[in-house]
């Protein structure tokens, strides 16, 4: 019987790949300890080595920065939706103004 597919967190992958890089245990021992196939550990180790330079790159911080949020546009959208809800509530016979007054 096959095991269901598992999704490992990036933190777990990094932990396993770092343990493989340290070479304190064999791949078989690491596979048993972390309950992951040895080939998967090798792939994560390779990814870690290939992408290690990106950690120290100056551009990495710029790509991870969140994009600026246009607060005025968001407030306008909220106001528009509140008006639409009030209009539809009035059309359905419910008490008007319930969504805008919070």
N, C-alpha and C. Protein backbone atom coordinates (compact mmCIF):
# COMPACT_ATOMS: atom_id res chain seq x y z
N UNK A 1 0.84 -1.18 0.00
CA UNK A 1 0.00 0.00 0.00
C UNK A 1 0.88 1.24 0.00
N UNK A 2 0.51 2.22 -0.81
CA UNK A 2 1.31 3.43 -0.91
C UNK A 2 0.96 4.41 0.20
N UNK A 3 1.95 5.16 0.60
CA UNK A 3 1.76 6.20 1.60
C UNK A 3 1.19 7.44 0.90
N UNK A 4 0.27 8.15 1.54
CA UNK A 4 -0.25 9.37 0.90
C UNK A 4 0.84 10.41 0.75
N UNK A 5 0.70 11.24 -0.26
CA UNK A 5 1.70 12.27 -0.54
C UNK A 5 1.77 13.27 0.60
N UNK A 6 2.98 13.60 1.02
CA UNK A 6 3.19 14.54 2.11
C UNK A 6 3.84 15.81 1.59
N UNK A 7 3.46 16.93 2.16
CA UNK A 7 4.07 18.21 1.84
C UNK A 7 4.88 18.65 3.05
N UNK A 8 6.17 18.80 2.86
CA UNK A 8 7.05 19.19 3.94
C UNK A 8 7.26 20.69 3.92
N UNK A 9 7.36 21.28 5.08
CA UNK A 9 7.57 22.72 5.19
C UNK A 9 9.00 23.06 4.78
N UNK A 10 9.21 24.30 4.34
CA UNK A 10 10.58 24.72 3.99
C UNK A 10 11.54 24.63 5.17
N UNK A 11 11.05 24.83 6.37
CA UNK A 11 11.90 24.74 7.56
C UNK A 11 12.40 23.29 7.74
N UNK A 12 11.49 22.34 7.56
CA UNK A 12 11.85 20.93 7.69
C UNK A 12 12.87 20.53 6.61
N UNK A 13 12.63 21.00 5.37
CA UNK A 13 13.55 20.68 4.28
C UNK A 13 14.94 21.24 4.56
N UNK A 14 15.00 22.46 5.07
CA UNK A 14 16.29 23.08 5.37
C UNK A 14 17.00 22.31 6.48
N UNK A 15 16.24 21.89 7.48
CA UNK A 15 16.82 21.14 8.59
C UNK A 15 17.42 19.83 8.10
N UNK A 16 16.71 19.12 7.24
CA UNK A 16 17.20 17.84 6.72
C UNK A 16 18.40 18.07 5.81
N UNK A 17 18.34 19.09 4.95
CA UNK A 17 19.45 19.36 4.03
C UNK A 17 20.71 19.77 4.78
N UNK A 18 20.56 20.56 5.83
CA UNK A 18 21.72 20.95 6.63
C UNK A 18 22.32 19.75 7.35
N UNK A 19 21.47 18.86 7.82
CA UNK A 19 21.98 17.65 8.47
C UNK A 19 22.75 16.80 7.46
N UNK A 20 22.28 16.78 6.22
CA UNK A 20 22.99 16.01 5.18
C UNK A 20 24.31 16.67 4.82
N UNK A 21 24.35 18.01 4.83
CA UNK A 21 25.59 18.72 4.53
C UNK A 21 26.65 18.51 5.61
N UNK A 22 26.23 18.38 6.85
CA UNK A 22 27.17 18.19 7.95
C UNK A 22 27.87 16.84 7.87
N UNK A 23 27.25 15.88 7.22
CA UNK A 23 27.80 14.54 7.02
C UNK A 23 28.13 13.83 8.33
N UNK A 24 27.35 14.11 9.38
CA UNK A 24 27.55 13.42 10.65
C UNK A 24 26.90 12.04 10.65
N UNK A 25 25.98 11.83 9.70
CA UNK A 25 25.30 10.54 9.59
C UNK A 25 25.17 10.20 8.11
N UNK A 26 24.97 8.93 7.82
CA UNK A 26 24.80 8.51 6.42
C UNK A 26 23.41 8.90 5.95
N UNK A 27 23.23 8.85 4.63
CA UNK A 27 21.92 9.16 4.07
C UNK A 27 20.85 8.19 4.58
N UNK A 28 21.22 6.94 4.74
CA UNK A 28 20.28 5.94 5.24
C UNK A 28 19.84 6.28 6.66
N UNK A 29 20.78 6.66 7.49
CA UNK A 29 20.45 7.03 8.88
C UNK A 29 19.57 8.27 8.91
N UNK A 30 19.89 9.26 8.07
CA UNK A 30 19.07 10.47 8.02
C UNK A 30 17.66 10.16 7.50
N UNK A 31 17.58 9.27 6.53
CA UNK A 31 16.28 8.89 5.98
C UNK A 31 15.42 8.22 7.05
N UNK A 32 16.03 7.39 7.86
CA UNK A 32 15.27 6.74 8.94
C UNK A 32 14.88 7.74 10.01
N UNK A 33 15.81 8.65 10.37
CA UNK A 33 15.53 9.61 11.43
C UNK A 33 14.41 10.58 11.05
N UNK A 34 14.44 11.06 9.80
CA UNK A 34 13.46 12.06 9.39
C UNK A 34 12.27 11.46 8.64
N UNK A 35 12.28 10.14 8.42
CA UNK A 35 11.20 9.44 7.73
C UNK A 35 10.98 10.01 6.32
N UNK A 36 12.08 10.17 5.60
CA UNK A 36 12.08 10.68 4.23
C UNK A 36 13.00 9.80 3.41
N UNK A 37 12.68 9.62 2.13
CA UNK A 37 13.51 8.79 1.26
C UNK A 37 14.87 9.45 1.05
N UNK A 38 15.91 8.63 0.91
CA UNK A 38 17.27 9.13 0.75
C UNK A 38 17.42 9.98 -0.52
N UNK A 39 16.73 9.62 -1.58
CA UNK A 39 16.79 10.42 -2.81
C UNK A 39 16.24 11.82 -2.58
N UNK A 40 15.20 11.93 -1.77
CA UNK A 40 14.62 13.24 -1.47
C UNK A 40 15.61 14.10 -0.69
N UNK A 41 16.31 13.49 0.23
CA UNK A 41 17.33 14.21 1.00
C UNK A 41 18.42 14.73 0.07
N UNK A 42 18.83 13.90 -0.88
CA UNK A 42 19.85 14.32 -1.84
C UNK A 42 19.38 15.49 -2.69
N UNK A 43 18.11 15.47 -3.11
CA UNK A 43 17.57 16.58 -3.89
C UNK A 43 17.55 17.87 -3.08
N UNK A 44 17.10 17.79 -1.83
CA UNK A 44 17.05 18.99 -0.98
C UNK A 44 18.45 19.52 -0.72
N UNK A 45 19.41 18.63 -0.52
CA UNK A 45 20.80 19.04 -0.29
C UNK A 45 21.33 19.77 -1.52
N UNK A 46 21.06 19.24 -2.71
CA UNK A 46 21.50 19.88 -3.95
C UNK A 46 20.87 21.25 -4.11
N UNK A 47 19.57 21.36 -3.83
CA UNK A 47 18.89 22.65 -3.92
C UNK A 47 19.50 23.66 -2.96
N UNK A 48 19.82 23.22 -1.77
CA UNK A 48 20.41 24.12 -0.77
C UNK A 48 21.77 24.63 -1.24
N UNK A 49 22.58 23.75 -1.78
CA UNK A 49 23.91 24.15 -2.24
C UNK A 49 23.80 25.10 -3.43
N UNK A 50 22.89 24.82 -4.37
CA UNK A 50 22.75 25.64 -5.57
C UNK A 50 22.19 27.03 -5.26
N UNK A 51 21.31 27.13 -4.28
CA UNK A 51 20.65 28.40 -3.99
C UNK A 51 21.23 29.12 -2.79
N UNK A 52 22.34 28.65 -2.27
CA UNK A 52 22.95 29.27 -1.10
C UNK A 52 23.43 30.68 -1.40
N UNK A 53 23.89 30.93 -2.61
CA UNK A 53 24.39 32.26 -2.97
C UNK A 53 23.28 33.30 -2.94
N UNK A 54 22.06 32.89 -3.19
CA UNK A 54 20.93 33.82 -3.19
C UNK A 54 20.68 34.39 -1.79
N UNK A 55 21.08 33.69 -0.77
CA UNK A 55 20.90 34.18 0.60
C UNK A 55 21.72 35.43 0.83
N UNK A 56 22.90 35.48 0.24
CA UNK A 56 23.81 36.59 0.46
C UNK A 56 23.75 37.65 -0.64
N UNK A 57 22.89 37.47 -1.62
CA UNK A 57 22.79 38.43 -2.71
C UNK A 57 22.08 39.70 -2.23
N UNK A 58 22.52 40.85 -2.74
CA UNK A 58 21.92 42.12 -2.35
C UNK A 58 20.52 42.26 -2.90
N UNK A 59 20.25 41.67 -4.05
CA UNK A 59 18.94 41.79 -4.67
C UNK A 59 17.89 40.94 -3.96
N UNK A 60 18.30 39.98 -3.18
CA UNK A 60 17.35 39.08 -2.53
C UNK A 60 16.43 39.84 -1.60
N UNK A 61 16.94 40.83 -0.88
CA UNK A 61 16.11 41.61 0.02
C UNK A 61 15.08 42.43 -0.72
N UNK A 62 15.41 42.92 -1.89
CA UNK A 62 14.48 43.73 -2.67
C UNK A 62 13.34 42.90 -3.23
N UNK A 63 13.61 41.66 -3.59
CA UNK A 63 12.57 40.81 -4.17
C UNK A 63 11.60 40.32 -3.10
N UNK A 64 12.03 40.21 -1.87
CA UNK A 64 11.18 39.71 -0.81
C UNK A 64 10.37 40.80 -0.13
N UNK A 65 10.66 42.05 -0.43
CA UNK A 65 9.94 43.16 0.19
C UNK A 65 8.51 43.19 -0.32
N UNK A 66 7.55 43.40 0.56
CA UNK A 66 6.16 43.45 0.11
C UNK A 66 5.91 44.70 -0.72
N UNK A 67 5.01 44.57 -1.67
CA UNK A 67 4.69 45.71 -2.52
C UNK A 67 3.88 46.72 -1.73
N UNK A 68 4.05 48.02 -2.04
CA UNK A 68 3.31 49.04 -1.30
C UNK A 68 1.80 48.91 -1.56
N UNK A 69 1.02 49.15 -0.52
CA UNK A 69 -0.42 49.01 -0.60
C UNK A 69 -1.03 50.40 -0.78
N UNK A 70 -1.95 50.50 -1.73
CA UNK A 70 -2.66 51.75 -1.98
C UNK A 70 -3.88 51.79 -1.05
N UNK A 71 -3.71 52.44 0.10
CA UNK A 71 -4.75 52.46 1.12
C UNK A 71 -5.99 53.21 0.63
N UNK A 72 -5.79 54.28 -0.11
CA UNK A 72 -6.94 55.05 -0.61
C UNK A 72 -7.81 54.20 -1.52
N UNK A 73 -7.18 53.43 -2.39
CA UNK A 73 -7.95 52.57 -3.30
C UNK A 73 -8.71 51.50 -2.51
N UNK A 74 -8.08 50.97 -1.48
CA UNK A 74 -8.76 49.96 -0.66
C UNK A 74 -9.95 50.55 0.08
N UNK A 75 -9.80 51.76 0.63
CA UNK A 75 -10.91 52.42 1.31
C UNK A 75 -12.04 52.74 0.34
N UNK A 76 -11.69 53.14 -0.87
CA UNK A 76 -12.71 53.40 -1.88
C UNK A 76 -13.48 52.13 -2.23
N UNK A 77 -12.76 51.02 -2.34
CA UNK A 77 -13.41 49.74 -2.65
C UNK A 77 -14.34 49.31 -1.52
N UNK A 78 -13.91 49.51 -0.28
CA UNK A 78 -14.76 49.17 0.87
C UNK A 78 -16.03 50.02 0.85
N UNK A 79 -15.88 51.31 0.59
CA UNK A 79 -17.05 52.19 0.53
C UNK A 79 -18.00 51.79 -0.58
N UNK A 80 -17.46 51.44 -1.74
CA UNK A 80 -18.29 51.02 -2.86
C UNK A 80 -19.06 49.74 -2.51
N UNK A 81 -18.40 48.80 -1.89
CA UNK A 81 -19.06 47.55 -1.52
C UNK A 81 -20.12 47.78 -0.45
N UNK A 82 -19.85 48.69 0.49
CA UNK A 82 -20.85 49.00 1.51
C UNK A 82 -22.10 49.60 0.87
N UNK A 83 -21.92 50.49 -0.10
CA UNK A 83 -23.07 51.06 -0.80
C UNK A 83 -23.84 50.01 -1.57
N UNK A 84 -23.14 49.11 -2.22
CA UNK A 84 -23.81 48.04 -2.97
C UNK A 84 -24.59 47.12 -2.03
N UNK A 85 -24.02 46.81 -0.88
CA UNK A 85 -24.71 45.94 0.08
C UNK A 85 -25.96 46.64 0.61
N UNK A 86 -25.84 47.93 0.93
CA UNK A 86 -27.00 48.67 1.41
C UNK A 86 -28.09 48.75 0.35
N UNK A 87 -27.70 48.96 -0.90
CA UNK A 87 -28.68 49.03 -1.99
C UNK A 87 -29.39 47.69 -2.14
N UNK A 88 -28.62 46.61 -2.15
CA UNK A 88 -29.23 45.30 -2.31
C UNK A 88 -30.09 44.92 -1.10
N UNK A 89 -29.67 45.33 0.08
CA UNK A 89 -30.48 45.05 1.28
C UNK A 89 -31.79 45.80 1.20
N UNK A 90 -31.75 47.04 0.71
CA UNK A 90 -32.99 47.81 0.55
C UNK A 90 -33.89 47.20 -0.50
N UNK A 91 -33.31 46.69 -1.57
CA UNK A 91 -34.09 46.06 -2.62
C UNK A 91 -34.73 44.77 -2.14
N UNK A 92 -34.12 44.11 -1.21
CA UNK A 92 -34.67 42.86 -0.68
C UNK A 92 -35.60 43.08 0.51
N UNK A 93 -35.72 44.33 0.96
CA UNK A 93 -36.64 44.64 2.04
C UNK A 93 -36.03 44.54 3.42
N UNK A 94 -34.73 44.46 3.52
CA UNK A 94 -34.09 44.41 4.83
C UNK A 94 -33.80 45.84 5.29
N UNK A 95 -33.39 45.98 6.52
CA UNK A 95 -33.13 47.32 7.06
C UNK A 95 -31.92 47.94 6.36
N UNK A 96 -32.07 49.14 5.79
CA UNK A 96 -30.96 49.77 5.07
C UNK A 96 -29.90 50.31 6.05
N UNK A 97 -28.69 50.42 5.56
CA UNK A 97 -27.62 51.02 6.32
C UNK A 97 -26.98 50.12 7.34
N UNK A 98 -27.29 48.87 7.34
CA UNK A 98 -26.74 47.96 8.35
C UNK A 98 -25.25 47.67 8.13
N UNK A 99 -24.79 47.65 6.88
CA UNK A 99 -23.40 47.28 6.64
C UNK A 99 -22.44 48.46 6.79
N UNK A 100 -22.90 49.68 6.50
CA UNK A 100 -22.02 50.83 6.52
C UNK A 100 -21.78 51.35 7.95
N UNK A 101 -22.70 51.08 8.85
CA UNK A 101 -22.59 51.59 10.23
C UNK A 101 -22.02 50.51 11.13
N UNK A 102 -20.71 50.49 11.22
CA UNK A 102 -20.04 49.51 12.10
C UNK A 102 -19.06 50.18 12.97
